[in-house]
Amino acid sequence: MKARERLDRLGKITEPAPDDLPALFFDADFPATKAEDPTKTTVRYISRTETWNAYVTAKVQGSGTTTFLKDNMTIKLFADETYDKNKPYTVSFRGWPAESKYVLKAYVADGTLSRDPVTCQIWGDLVKSRPDYSSLPAALRNSPNQGAIDGFLVQVYVKGVYYGLYALTIPKDGWMTGMTDYEEGKVNHDKQAVICGEGSGESLQYILFRRAYPDLSAVVTGYD
């Protein structure tokens, strides 16, 4: 029943429909390595109910997964050929806020292409079922999936060649947790932090921890 309710809810408020499999058509090759600059090209999105075109950059995403034959890609959408960050092309999926940055996950190590999105949807339902849910920060409760990623399957074509199925997911950005992106003088970032259970060195959680507590005299490493 829970799964049926989720599908019914998504079908009413989201693009794409729960049983749809949209396609993304890119007009230039993806970069082959993480060291390469992002590819600048255009993309066309087609689902049963929507079609749109945008300028786009694509960059290899991930760390260990970059050794696989099929890479994850971070894509950023733009309104025109200047690729100006102040001119984003924003779209909304699944009731998420309208954004211009997404991730295409290849999930080479997961033949179902569903482990992360499905388990994260379960996580979102678990969080909302807790008796103290109303005491959580409003930003987290209003985030797309209670602080976790969310995603759905898409078909990807590059220069007319079918690259297979990917999961289009929320990136690990501020809006994933309801946090705002950094703008000098506008946000008190001493009150915003993300704690992750993996990684080391100058990783995301390390940088955010040091920004939140800049006066610590202790040596902070990724393993703390």
N, C-alpha and C. Protein backbone atom coordinates (compact mmCIF):
# COMPACT_ATOMS: atom_id res chain seq x y z
N MET A 1 0.82 -1.20 0.00
CA MET A 1 0.00 0.00 0.00
C MET A 1 0.86 1.26 0.00
N LYS A 2 1.95 1.25 0.78
CA LYS A 2 2.82 2.42 0.81
C LYS A 2 3.38 2.71 -0.57
N ALA A 3 3.82 1.66 -1.27
CA ALA A 3 4.37 1.86 -2.61
C ALA A 3 3.31 2.42 -3.56
N ARG A 4 2.09 1.91 -3.46
CA ARG A 4 1.01 2.39 -4.32
C ARG A 4 0.68 3.84 -4.03
N GLU A 5 0.67 4.20 -2.74
CA GLU A 5 0.40 5.58 -2.36
C GLU A 5 1.48 6.51 -2.91
N ARG A 6 2.76 6.05 -2.85
CA ARG A 6 3.86 6.87 -3.36
C ARG A 6 3.69 7.11 -4.86
N LEU A 7 3.38 6.05 -5.60
CA LEU A 7 3.21 6.20 -7.04
C LEU A 7 2.04 7.12 -7.37
N ASP A 8 0.94 6.97 -6.63
CA ASP A 8 -0.21 7.84 -6.87
C ASP A 8 0.15 9.29 -6.62
N ARG A 9 0.89 9.54 -5.52
CA ARG A 9 1.27 10.91 -5.17
C ARG A 9 2.20 11.50 -6.22
N LEU A 10 3.21 10.72 -6.63
CA LEU A 10 4.16 11.20 -7.62
C LEU A 10 3.47 11.47 -8.96
N GLY A 11 2.51 10.62 -9.31
CA GLY A 11 1.83 10.79 -10.58
C GLY A 11 1.04 12.09 -10.66
N LYS A 12 0.65 12.63 -9.53
CA LYS A 12 -0.16 13.84 -9.52
C LYS A 12 0.68 15.11 -9.54
N ILE A 13 1.90 15.04 -9.00
CA ILE A 13 2.63 16.29 -8.80
C ILE A 13 3.95 16.36 -9.55
N THR A 14 4.30 15.35 -10.33
CA THR A 14 5.67 15.34 -10.83
C THR A 14 5.79 15.09 -12.31
N GLU A 15 6.94 15.44 -12.79
CA GLU A 15 7.44 15.09 -14.12
C GLU A 15 8.78 14.39 -13.87
N PRO A 16 8.99 13.21 -14.42
CA PRO A 16 8.10 12.44 -15.28
C PRO A 16 7.11 11.60 -14.48
N ALA A 17 6.12 11.04 -15.19
CA ALA A 17 5.17 10.13 -14.55
C ALA A 17 5.92 8.91 -14.03
N PRO A 18 5.41 8.27 -12.99
CA PRO A 18 6.12 7.14 -12.38
C PRO A 18 6.44 6.00 -13.34
N ASP A 19 5.61 5.81 -14.37
CA ASP A 19 5.85 4.72 -15.31
C ASP A 19 6.45 5.20 -16.63
N ASP A 20 7.00 6.41 -16.64
CA ASP A 20 7.61 6.97 -17.84
C ASP A 20 9.12 6.72 -17.82
N LEU A 21 9.74 6.72 -19.00
CA LEU A 21 11.18 6.57 -19.12
C LEU A 21 11.69 7.63 -20.09
N PRO A 22 11.93 8.85 -19.59
CA PRO A 22 12.33 9.95 -20.46
C PRO A 22 13.68 9.69 -21.14
N ALA A 23 13.95 10.48 -22.17
CA ALA A 23 15.21 10.38 -22.89
C ALA A 23 15.91 11.73 -22.92
N LEU A 24 17.23 11.71 -22.79
CA LEU A 24 18.06 12.89 -22.89
C LEU A 24 18.99 12.71 -24.09
N PHE A 25 18.99 13.69 -25.02
CA PHE A 25 19.80 13.62 -26.23
C PHE A 25 20.88 14.71 -26.17
N PHE A 26 22.14 14.30 -26.05
CA PHE A 26 23.27 15.23 -26.00
C PHE A 26 23.93 15.32 -27.38
N ASP A 27 24.39 16.51 -27.74
CA ASP A 27 24.92 16.73 -29.08
C ASP A 27 26.44 16.70 -29.17
N ALA A 28 27.13 16.37 -28.07
CA ALA A 28 28.59 16.26 -28.11
C ALA A 28 29.03 15.14 -27.17
N ASP A 29 30.21 14.59 -27.41
CA ASP A 29 30.73 13.50 -26.59
C ASP A 29 30.93 13.94 -25.15
N PHE A 30 30.70 13.03 -24.23
CA PHE A 30 31.01 13.28 -22.83
C PHE A 30 32.54 13.30 -22.64
N PRO A 31 33.05 14.02 -21.63
CA PRO A 31 34.48 13.94 -21.33
C PRO A 31 34.84 12.52 -20.90
N ALA A 32 36.07 12.11 -21.19
CA ALA A 32 36.49 10.73 -20.92
C ALA A 32 37.08 10.55 -19.53
N THR A 33 37.60 11.62 -18.93
CA THR A 33 38.22 11.52 -17.62
C THR A 33 37.79 12.70 -16.74
N LYS A 34 38.00 12.56 -15.44
CA LYS A 34 37.65 13.62 -14.51
C LYS A 34 38.55 14.84 -14.67
N ALA A 35 39.75 14.62 -15.22
CA ALA A 35 40.70 15.72 -15.38
C ALA A 35 40.32 16.66 -16.52
N GLU A 36 39.46 16.20 -17.42
CA GLU A 36 39.07 17.03 -18.56
C GLU A 36 38.09 18.12 -18.15
N ASP A 37 38.16 19.22 -18.88
CA ASP A 37 37.19 20.30 -18.65
C ASP A 37 35.79 19.81 -19.01
N PRO A 38 34.77 20.41 -18.42
CA PRO A 38 33.41 20.02 -18.78
C PRO A 38 33.14 20.22 -20.27
N THR A 39 32.42 19.28 -20.85
CA THR A 39 31.98 19.42 -22.23
C THR A 39 30.84 20.43 -22.31
N LYS A 40 30.92 21.35 -23.25
CA LYS A 40 29.85 22.31 -23.48
C LYS A 40 29.07 21.86 -24.71
N THR A 41 27.76 21.68 -24.55
CA THR A 41 26.95 21.20 -25.65
C THR A 41 25.49 21.59 -25.42
N THR A 42 24.59 20.93 -26.11
CA THR A 42 23.16 21.15 -25.90
C THR A 42 22.51 19.81 -25.59
N VAL A 43 21.33 19.88 -24.98
CA VAL A 43 20.60 18.67 -24.63
C VAL A 43 19.11 18.87 -24.93
N ARG A 44 18.47 17.80 -25.32
CA ARG A 44 17.02 17.80 -25.55
C ARG A 44 16.41 16.73 -24.65
N TYR A 45 15.41 17.12 -23.89
CA TYR A 45 14.72 16.22 -22.97
C TYR A 45 13.34 15.90 -23.52
N ILE A 46 13.01 14.62 -23.59
CA ILE A 46 11.70 14.20 -24.09
C ILE A 46 11.09 13.17 -23.16
N SER A 47 9.91 13.47 -22.66
CA SER A 47 9.12 12.49 -21.90
C SER A 47 7.76 12.40 -22.57
N ARG A 48 6.84 11.68 -21.95
CA ARG A 48 5.50 11.58 -22.52
C ARG A 48 4.78 12.93 -22.56
N THR A 49 5.10 13.78 -21.59
CA THR A 49 4.32 15.02 -21.44
C THR A 49 5.13 16.30 -21.61
N GLU A 50 6.47 16.22 -21.62
CA GLU A 50 7.28 17.43 -21.71
C GLU A 50 8.43 17.26 -22.70
N THR A 51 8.76 18.36 -23.37
CA THR A 51 9.96 18.42 -24.21
C THR A 51 10.59 19.80 -24.01
N TRP A 52 11.89 19.81 -23.74
CA TRP A 52 12.58 21.09 -23.63
C TRP A 52 14.03 20.93 -24.11
N ASN A 53 14.64 22.07 -24.44
CA ASN A 53 16.03 22.12 -24.90
C ASN A 53 16.80 23.09 -24.01
N ALA A 54 18.07 22.79 -23.78
CA ALA A 54 18.90 23.68 -22.97
C ALA A 54 20.36 23.53 -23.39
N TYR A 55 21.14 24.54 -23.08
CA TYR A 55 22.59 24.41 -23.17
C TYR A 55 23.05 23.69 -21.92
N VAL A 56 24.12 22.91 -22.02
CA VAL A 56 24.49 22.06 -20.90
C VAL A 56 26.00 21.83 -20.87
N THR A 57 26.54 21.71 -19.66
CA THR A 57 27.91 21.22 -19.49
C THR A 57 27.84 19.86 -18.82
N ALA A 58 28.76 18.99 -19.19
CA ALA A 58 28.84 17.64 -18.60
C ALA A 58 30.25 17.39 -18.12
N LYS A 59 30.37 16.91 -16.87
CA LYS A 59 31.69 16.63 -16.29
C LYS A 59 31.63 15.29 -15.56
N VAL A 60 32.71 14.52 -15.65
CA VAL A 60 32.77 13.23 -14.97
C VAL A 60 32.61 13.44 -13.47
N GLN A 61 31.76 12.62 -12.85
CA GLN A 61 31.47 12.75 -11.42
C GLN A 61 31.86 11.47 -10.70
N GLY A 62 32.32 11.62 -9.45
CA GLY A 62 32.64 10.46 -8.63
C GLY A 62 34.13 10.31 -8.41
N SER A 63 34.50 9.24 -7.72
CA SER A 63 35.92 8.98 -7.46
C SER A 63 36.27 7.56 -7.91
N GLY A 64 35.93 6.55 -7.10
CA GLY A 64 36.22 5.17 -7.47
C GLY A 64 35.51 4.73 -8.73
N THR A 65 34.35 5.30 -8.98
CA THR A 65 33.57 4.90 -10.15
C THR A 65 34.19 5.37 -11.46
N THR A 66 35.18 6.28 -11.38
CA THR A 66 35.80 6.77 -12.62
C THR A 66 36.67 5.71 -13.28
N THR A 67 36.91 4.60 -12.59
CA THR A 67 37.69 3.51 -13.19
C THR A 67 36.81 2.60 -14.05
N PHE A 68 35.50 2.78 -13.99
CA PHE A 68 34.58 1.95 -14.75
C PHE A 68 34.51 2.45 -16.21
N LEU A 69 33.99 1.59 -17.09
CA LEU A 69 33.91 1.95 -18.51
C LEU A 69 32.83 2.99 -18.77
N LYS A 70 31.87 3.08 -17.88
CA LYS A 70 30.76 4.02 -18.04
C LYS A 70 30.76 4.97 -16.85
N ASP A 71 30.98 6.25 -17.10
CA ASP A 71 31.15 7.22 -16.02
C ASP A 71 29.83 7.89 -15.63
N ASN A 72 29.79 8.33 -14.36
CA ASN A 72 28.72 9.23 -13.93
C ASN A 72 29.03 10.62 -14.48
N MET A 73 27.99 11.43 -14.66
CA MET A 73 28.16 12.78 -15.18
C MET A 73 27.39 13.79 -14.34
N THR A 74 28.05 14.88 -13.99
CA THR A 74 27.36 16.03 -13.43
C THR A 74 26.98 16.94 -14.58
N ILE A 75 25.70 17.27 -14.67
CA ILE A 75 25.25 18.15 -15.76
C ILE A 75 24.70 19.44 -15.17
N LYS A 76 25.03 20.56 -15.84
CA LYS A 76 24.51 21.86 -15.45
C LYS A 76 23.81 22.47 -16.67
N LEU A 77 22.61 22.97 -16.46
CA LEU A 77 21.80 23.50 -17.55
C LEU A 77 21.87 25.03 -17.60
N PHE A 78 21.94 25.57 -18.82
CA PHE A 78 22.04 27.01 -19.02
C PHE A 78 21.02 27.48 -20.05
N ALA A 79 20.66 28.76 -19.95
CA ALA A 79 19.62 29.31 -20.81
C ALA A 79 20.12 29.67 -22.20
N ASP A 80 21.43 29.97 -22.34
CA ASP A 80 21.93 30.35 -23.67
C ASP A 80 23.37 29.89 -23.85
N GLU A 81 23.93 30.21 -25.02
CA GLU A 81 25.25 29.71 -25.40
C GLU A 81 26.40 30.35 -24.64
N THR A 82 26.13 31.33 -23.76
CA THR A 82 27.20 31.91 -22.95
C THR A 82 27.60 31.01 -21.80
N TYR A 83 26.76 30.06 -21.44
CA TYR A 83 27.01 29.16 -20.31
C TYR A 83 27.32 29.98 -19.05
N ASP A 84 26.59 31.03 -18.89
CA ASP A 84 26.77 31.95 -17.76
C ASP A 84 26.04 31.39 -16.54
N LYS A 85 26.75 31.26 -15.43
CA LYS A 85 26.13 30.71 -14.22
C LYS A 85 24.98 31.57 -13.71
N ASN A 86 24.96 32.83 -14.14
CA ASN A 86 23.85 33.72 -13.76
C ASN A 86 22.65 33.59 -14.69
N LYS A 87 22.76 32.69 -15.67
CA LYS A 87 21.65 32.44 -16.59
C LYS A 87 21.36 30.94 -16.64
N PRO A 88 20.95 30.37 -15.52
CA PRO A 88 20.68 28.93 -15.51
C PRO A 88 19.36 28.61 -16.21
N TYR A 89 19.25 27.40 -16.68
CA TYR A 89 17.97 26.88 -17.19
C TYR A 89 17.47 25.92 -16.12
N THR A 90 16.39 26.25 -15.45
CA THR A 90 15.93 25.45 -14.32
C THR A 90 14.72 24.60 -14.71
N VAL A 91 14.73 23.38 -14.20
CA VAL A 91 13.61 22.47 -14.39
C VAL A 91 13.31 21.77 -13.07
N SER A 92 12.07 21.34 -12.91
CA SER A 92 11.66 20.65 -11.68
C SER A 92 11.21 19.23 -12.02
N PHE A 93 11.71 18.27 -11.27
CA PHE A 93 11.30 16.88 -11.40
C PHE A 93 10.74 16.38 -10.08
N ARG A 94 9.75 15.52 -10.13
CA ARG A 94 9.26 14.77 -8.98
C ARG A 94 8.88 15.64 -7.78
N GLY A 95 8.52 16.88 -8.05
CA GLY A 95 8.19 17.76 -6.96
C GLY A 95 9.39 18.42 -6.30
N TRP A 96 10.60 18.16 -6.81
CA TRP A 96 11.79 18.84 -6.30
C TRP A 96 11.71 20.32 -6.68
N PRO A 97 12.48 21.18 -6.01
CA PRO A 97 12.53 22.58 -6.44
C PRO A 97 13.15 22.68 -7.83
N ALA A 98 12.83 23.72 -8.56
CA ALA A 98 13.40 23.93 -9.89
C ALA A 98 14.88 24.25 -9.76
N GLU A 99 15.73 23.41 -10.34
CA GLU A 99 17.17 23.58 -10.25
C GLU A 99 17.81 23.39 -11.62
N SER A 100 19.10 23.69 -11.70
CA SER A 100 19.80 23.60 -12.99
C SER A 100 20.97 22.61 -12.95
N LYS A 101 21.19 21.95 -11.81
CA LYS A 101 22.30 21.01 -11.69
C LYS A 101 21.78 19.66 -11.24
N TYR A 102 22.17 18.61 -11.98
CA TYR A 102 21.74 17.26 -11.67
C TYR A 102 22.90 16.30 -11.93
N VAL A 103 22.74 15.06 -11.51
CA VAL A 103 23.76 14.04 -11.74
C VAL A 103 23.14 12.89 -12.52
N LEU A 104 23.86 12.40 -13.53
CA LEU A 104 23.48 11.19 -14.24
C LEU A 104 24.34 10.05 -13.72
N LYS A 105 23.73 9.14 -12.98
CA LYS A 105 24.45 8.03 -12.37
C LYS A 105 24.40 6.80 -13.28
N ALA A 106 25.58 6.27 -13.61
CA ALA A 106 25.65 5.08 -14.46
C ALA A 106 25.38 3.80 -13.66
N TYR A 107 25.76 3.80 -12.38
CA TYR A 107 25.55 2.63 -11.49
C TYR A 107 26.03 1.34 -12.15
N VAL A 108 27.27 1.36 -12.65
CA VAL A 108 27.82 0.17 -13.31
C VAL A 108 27.87 -1.03 -12.37
N ALA A 109 28.13 -0.78 -11.09
CA ALA A 109 28.24 -1.88 -10.12
C ALA A 109 26.89 -2.37 -9.62
N ASP A 110 25.82 -1.75 -10.06
CA ASP A 110 24.47 -2.14 -9.63
C ASP A 110 23.62 -2.41 -10.86
N GLY A 111 23.45 -3.68 -11.18
CA GLY A 111 22.71 -4.05 -12.38
C GLY A 111 21.26 -3.62 -12.37
N THR A 112 20.70 -3.36 -11.19
CA THR A 112 19.30 -2.92 -11.11
C THR A 112 19.14 -1.43 -11.35
N LEU A 113 20.23 -0.66 -11.22
CA LEU A 113 20.22 0.80 -11.31
C LEU A 113 19.24 1.42 -10.32
N SER A 114 18.95 0.72 -9.25
CA SER A 114 17.90 1.20 -8.35
C SER A 114 18.31 1.25 -6.89
N ARG A 115 19.47 0.69 -6.54
CA ARG A 115 19.79 0.57 -5.12
C ARG A 115 19.77 1.91 -4.40
N ASP A 116 20.49 2.89 -4.93
CA ASP A 116 20.55 4.18 -4.25
C ASP A 116 19.20 4.91 -4.23
N PRO A 117 18.55 5.09 -5.39
CA PRO A 117 17.26 5.81 -5.35
C PRO A 117 16.21 5.12 -4.49
N VAL A 118 16.12 3.78 -4.58
CA VAL A 118 15.09 3.07 -3.81
C VAL A 118 15.37 3.13 -2.32
N THR A 119 16.62 2.86 -1.91
CA THR A 119 16.91 2.89 -0.49
C THR A 119 16.78 4.30 0.07
N CYS A 120 17.08 5.31 -0.74
CA CYS A 120 16.91 6.68 -0.27
C CYS A 120 15.44 7.06 -0.14
N GLN A 121 14.59 6.51 -1.00
CA GLN A 121 13.15 6.75 -0.85
C GLN A 121 12.63 6.09 0.43
N ILE A 122 13.17 4.90 0.73
CA ILE A 122 12.80 4.24 2.00
C ILE A 122 13.26 5.09 3.18
N TRP A 123 14.47 5.64 3.06
CA TRP A 123 14.99 6.53 4.10
C TRP A 123 14.04 7.71 4.33
N GLY A 124 13.60 8.33 3.25
CA GLY A 124 12.70 9.47 3.39
C GLY A 124 11.42 9.10 4.12
N ASP A 125 10.87 7.92 3.80
CA ASP A 125 9.65 7.47 4.48
C ASP A 125 9.92 7.17 5.96
N LEU A 126 11.10 6.60 6.25
CA LEU A 126 11.45 6.30 7.64
C LEU A 126 11.56 7.58 8.47
N VAL A 127 12.23 8.58 7.91
CA VAL A 127 12.38 9.85 8.63
C VAL A 127 11.02 10.44 8.95
N LYS A 128 10.13 10.45 7.97
CA LYS A 128 8.81 11.06 8.17
C LYS A 128 7.94 10.25 9.14
N SER A 129 8.29 8.98 9.37
CA SER A 129 7.49 8.15 10.27
C SER A 129 7.88 8.29 11.73
N ARG A 130 8.98 8.99 12.01
CA ARG A 130 9.47 9.10 13.39
C ARG A 130 8.58 10.00 14.22
N PRO A 131 8.36 9.66 15.50
CA PRO A 131 7.45 10.45 16.33
C PRO A 131 7.92 11.88 16.57
N ASP A 132 9.24 12.12 16.48
CA ASP A 132 9.76 13.47 16.71
C ASP A 132 10.01 14.21 15.40
N TYR A 133 9.39 13.76 14.31
CA TYR A 133 9.64 14.36 13.00
C TYR A 133 9.39 15.86 12.99
N SER A 134 8.35 16.30 13.66
CA SER A 134 7.99 17.72 13.65
C SER A 134 9.04 18.60 14.32
N SER A 135 9.93 18.00 15.10
CA SER A 135 10.97 18.77 15.79
C SER A 135 12.21 18.98 14.93
N LEU A 136 12.30 18.31 13.78
CA LEU A 136 13.45 18.48 12.90
C LEU A 136 13.41 19.86 12.25
N PRO A 137 14.56 20.39 11.83
CA PRO A 137 14.57 21.71 11.18
C PRO A 137 13.64 21.75 9.98
N ALA A 138 12.94 22.85 9.81
CA ALA A 138 11.99 22.98 8.71
C ALA A 138 12.68 22.82 7.36
N ALA A 139 13.92 23.31 7.25
CA ALA A 139 14.65 23.20 5.98
C ALA A 139 14.83 21.74 5.58
N LEU A 140 15.11 20.90 6.56
CA LEU A 140 15.29 19.48 6.27
C LEU A 140 13.96 18.83 5.91
N ARG A 141 12.91 19.16 6.66
CA ARG A 141 11.59 18.56 6.39
C ARG A 141 11.05 18.99 5.02
N ASN A 142 11.45 20.18 4.57
CA ASN A 142 10.97 20.67 3.28
C ASN A 142 11.92 20.34 2.14
N SER A 143 13.00 19.64 2.43
CA SER A 143 13.94 19.24 1.37
C SER A 143 13.29 18.15 0.51
N PRO A 144 13.83 17.89 -0.68
CA PRO A 144 13.18 16.96 -1.60
C PRO A 144 12.93 15.57 -1.02
N ASN A 145 13.90 15.03 -0.27
CA ASN A 145 13.74 13.66 0.25
C ASN A 145 14.35 13.53 1.64
N GLN A 146 14.01 14.46 2.51
CA GLN A 146 14.44 14.40 3.91
C GLN A 146 15.96 14.28 4.06
N GLY A 147 16.68 15.05 3.25
CA GLY A 147 18.14 15.10 3.36
C GLY A 147 18.88 14.06 2.56
N ALA A 148 18.17 13.22 1.81
CA ALA A 148 18.82 12.21 0.98
C ALA A 148 18.60 12.54 -0.50
N ILE A 149 19.34 11.83 -1.35
CA ILE A 149 19.13 12.02 -2.78
C ILE A 149 17.80 11.40 -3.19
N ASP A 150 17.39 11.65 -4.41
CA ASP A 150 16.25 10.99 -5.02
C ASP A 150 16.57 10.90 -6.50
N GLY A 151 15.91 10.03 -7.23
CA GLY A 151 16.22 9.91 -8.64
C GLY A 151 15.25 9.03 -9.39
N PHE A 152 15.41 9.01 -10.71
CA PHE A 152 14.58 8.18 -11.56
C PHE A 152 15.38 7.82 -12.82
N LEU A 153 14.96 6.76 -13.51
CA LEU A 153 15.69 6.27 -14.66
C LEU A 153 15.40 7.10 -15.91
N VAL A 154 16.46 7.29 -16.72
CA VAL A 154 16.33 7.97 -18.01
C VAL A 154 17.17 7.22 -19.04
N GLN A 155 16.82 7.40 -20.30
CA GLN A 155 17.63 6.91 -21.41
C GLN A 155 18.57 8.03 -21.84
N VAL A 156 19.82 7.70 -22.14
CA VAL A 156 20.79 8.72 -22.54
C VAL A 156 21.32 8.40 -23.94
N TYR A 157 21.27 9.40 -24.82
CA TYR A 157 21.82 9.31 -26.17
C TYR A 157 22.88 10.39 -26.33
N VAL A 158 24.03 10.04 -26.91
CA VAL A 158 25.10 10.99 -27.15
C VAL A 158 25.44 10.96 -28.64
N LYS A 159 25.21 12.06 -29.33
CA LYS A 159 25.45 12.17 -30.77
C LYS A 159 24.74 11.05 -31.52
N GLY A 160 23.53 10.75 -31.10
CA GLY A 160 22.73 9.75 -31.77
C GLY A 160 23.00 8.32 -31.35
N VAL A 161 23.98 8.10 -30.48
CA VAL A 161 24.33 6.75 -30.02
C VAL A 161 23.70 6.50 -28.65
N TYR A 162 23.05 5.37 -28.50
CA TYR A 162 22.40 5.04 -27.23
C TYR A 162 23.45 4.62 -26.21
N TYR A 163 23.56 5.36 -25.09
CA TYR A 163 24.51 5.07 -24.04
C TYR A 163 23.92 4.19 -22.94
N GLY A 164 22.63 3.93 -23.00
CA GLY A 164 22.01 3.07 -22.01
C GLY A 164 21.20 3.83 -20.98
N LEU A 165 20.83 3.11 -19.92
CA LEU A 165 20.05 3.69 -18.84
C LEU A 165 20.95 4.34 -17.79
N TYR A 166 20.53 5.47 -17.31
CA TYR A 166 21.17 6.16 -16.20
C TYR A 166 20.07 6.51 -15.19
N ALA A 167 20.47 6.84 -13.98
CA ALA A 167 19.54 7.43 -13.01
C ALA A 167 19.84 8.92 -12.93
N LEU A 168 18.84 9.75 -13.17
CA LEU A 168 18.99 11.18 -12.99
C LEU A 168 18.67 11.49 -11.54
N THR A 169 19.65 12.02 -10.80
CA THR A 169 19.50 12.18 -9.36
C THR A 169 19.80 13.59 -8.89
N ILE A 170 19.36 13.87 -7.67
CA ILE A 170 19.72 15.10 -6.98
C ILE A 170 21.22 15.07 -6.68
N PRO A 171 21.96 16.15 -6.93
CA PRO A 171 23.37 16.19 -6.56
C PRO A 171 23.53 16.43 -5.06
N LYS A 172 24.70 16.15 -4.54
CA LYS A 172 24.96 16.42 -3.13
C LYS A 172 25.27 17.90 -2.95
N ASP A 173 24.27 18.71 -3.21
CA ASP A 173 24.37 20.16 -3.07
C ASP A 173 23.52 20.62 -1.89
N GLY A 174 23.57 21.92 -1.62
CA GLY A 174 22.82 22.45 -0.49
C GLY A 174 21.35 22.13 -0.54
N TRP A 175 20.75 22.20 -1.73
CA TRP A 175 19.30 22.01 -1.81
C TRP A 175 18.88 20.57 -1.51
N MET A 176 19.82 19.62 -1.52
CA MET A 176 19.48 18.25 -1.13
C MET A 176 19.02 18.20 0.32
N THR A 177 19.59 19.05 1.16
CA THR A 177 19.25 19.08 2.59
C THR A 177 18.45 20.31 2.98
N GLY A 178 18.03 21.10 1.99
CA GLY A 178 17.30 22.33 2.29
C GLY A 178 18.20 23.48 2.68
N MET A 179 19.51 23.32 2.53
CA MET A 179 20.46 24.39 2.84
C MET A 179 20.61 25.31 1.63
N THR A 180 20.99 26.54 1.88
CA THR A 180 21.19 27.50 0.80
C THR A 180 22.64 27.47 0.34
N ASP A 181 22.86 27.76 -0.95
CA ASP A 181 24.22 27.87 -1.46
C ASP A 181 24.89 29.12 -0.90
N TYR A 182 26.20 29.11 -0.94
CA TYR A 182 26.96 30.21 -0.35
C TYR A 182 26.80 31.50 -1.15
N GLU A 183 26.45 32.56 -0.45
CA GLU A 183 26.44 33.90 -1.02
C GLU A 183 27.04 34.84 0.02
N GLU A 184 28.11 35.48 -0.31
CA GLU A 184 28.84 36.32 0.64
C GLU A 184 27.92 37.35 1.27
N GLY A 185 27.89 37.35 2.60
CA GLY A 185 27.13 38.35 3.33
C GLY A 185 25.65 38.07 3.47
N LYS A 186 25.16 36.95 2.87
CA LYS A 186 23.72 36.71 2.89
C LYS A 186 23.30 35.59 3.83
N VAL A 187 24.20 34.66 4.12
CA VAL A 187 23.82 33.49 4.92
C VAL A 187 24.82 33.29 6.04
N ASN A 188 24.31 32.99 7.24
CA ASN A 188 25.19 32.70 8.36
C ASN A 188 25.58 31.24 8.30
N HIS A 189 26.72 30.94 7.69
CA HIS A 189 27.11 29.55 7.50
C HIS A 189 27.67 28.92 8.77
N ASP A 190 27.83 29.70 9.84
CA ASP A 190 28.20 29.09 11.12
C ASP A 190 27.07 28.20 11.63
N LYS A 191 25.90 28.34 11.08
CA LYS A 191 24.76 27.55 11.52
C LYS A 191 24.37 26.48 10.50
N GLN A 192 25.22 26.24 9.50
CA GLN A 192 24.95 25.20 8.51
C GLN A 192 26.14 24.27 8.41
N ALA A 193 25.89 22.98 8.47
CA ALA A 193 26.97 22.00 8.35
C ALA A 193 26.40 20.68 7.86
N VAL A 194 27.22 19.93 7.17
CA VAL A 194 26.87 18.58 6.73
C VAL A 194 27.90 17.63 7.30
N ILE A 195 27.44 16.55 7.90
CA ILE A 195 28.35 15.52 8.42
C ILE A 195 28.12 14.25 7.61
N CYS A 196 29.18 13.76 6.98
CA CYS A 196 29.10 12.54 6.19
C CYS A 196 29.91 11.44 6.86
N GLY A 197 29.58 10.20 6.56
CA GLY A 197 30.25 9.07 7.18
C GLY A 197 31.31 8.44 6.33
N GLU A 198 31.82 9.15 5.33
CA GLU A 198 32.83 8.58 4.46
C GLU A 198 33.72 9.69 3.93
N GLY A 199 34.88 9.32 3.39
CA GLY A 199 35.78 10.30 2.81
C GLY A 199 36.85 10.74 3.79
N SER A 200 37.83 11.49 3.27
CA SER A 200 38.92 11.96 4.12
C SER A 200 39.56 13.17 3.46
N GLY A 201 40.51 13.79 4.18
CA GLY A 201 41.24 14.91 3.62
C GLY A 201 40.34 16.10 3.33
N GLU A 202 40.62 16.80 2.22
CA GLU A 202 39.84 17.98 1.85
C GLU A 202 38.52 17.60 1.20
N SER A 203 37.78 16.74 1.86
CA SER A 203 36.49 16.31 1.33
C SER A 203 35.41 17.26 1.81
N LEU A 204 34.19 17.05 1.33
CA LEU A 204 33.10 17.97 1.60
C LEU A 204 32.87 18.17 3.08
N GLN A 205 32.77 17.05 3.84
CA GLN A 205 32.45 17.20 5.25
C GLN A 205 33.58 17.91 6.01
N TYR A 206 34.82 17.71 5.60
CA TYR A 206 35.96 18.34 6.26
C TYR A 206 35.91 19.85 6.04
N ILE A 207 35.69 20.26 4.80
CA ILE A 207 35.65 21.69 4.48
C ILE A 207 34.51 22.38 5.21
N LEU A 208 33.32 21.77 5.19
CA LEU A 208 32.18 22.39 5.85
C LEU A 208 32.38 22.44 7.36
N PHE A 209 33.02 21.42 7.94
CA PHE A 209 33.27 21.41 9.37
C PHE A 209 34.20 22.56 9.76
N ARG A 210 35.24 22.77 8.98
CA ARG A 210 36.17 23.85 9.29
C ARG A 210 35.53 25.22 9.07
N ARG A 211 34.64 25.34 8.12
CA ARG A 211 33.97 26.63 7.93
C ARG A 211 33.03 26.92 9.10
N ALA A 212 32.41 25.88 9.63
CA ALA A 212 31.46 26.08 10.72
C ALA A 212 32.18 26.39 12.03
N TYR A 213 33.39 25.81 12.21
CA TYR A 213 34.13 26.00 13.46
C TYR A 213 35.55 26.44 13.14
N PRO A 214 35.73 27.67 12.68
CA PRO A 214 37.05 28.11 12.20
C PRO A 214 38.08 28.33 13.29
N ASP A 215 37.65 28.40 14.56
CA ASP A 215 38.59 28.75 15.62
C ASP A 215 39.11 27.54 16.39
N LEU A 216 38.82 26.32 15.92
CA LEU A 216 39.29 25.14 16.63
C LEU A 216 40.81 25.06 16.57
N SER A 217 41.43 24.77 17.69
CA SER A 217 42.88 24.62 17.70
C SER A 217 43.31 23.18 17.41
N ALA A 218 42.39 22.23 17.56
CA ALA A 218 42.73 20.83 17.30
C ALA A 218 42.93 20.59 15.82
N VAL A 219 43.74 19.59 15.51
CA VAL A 219 43.95 19.20 14.12
C VAL A 219 42.78 18.33 13.70
N VAL A 220 42.04 18.78 12.71
CA VAL A 220 40.86 18.07 12.24
C VAL A 220 41.19 17.35 10.94
N THR A 221 40.98 16.07 10.90
CA THR A 221 41.20 15.31 9.67
C THR A 221 39.89 14.67 9.24
N GLY A 222 39.88 14.12 8.05
CA GLY A 222 38.68 13.47 7.54
C GLY A 222 38.24 12.30 8.38
N TYR A 223 39.19 11.70 9.16
CA TYR A 223 38.84 10.54 9.97
C TYR A 223 38.16 10.92 11.28
N ASP A 224 38.21 12.21 11.65
CA ASP A 224 37.49 12.64 12.85
C ASP A 224 35.99 12.61 12.62
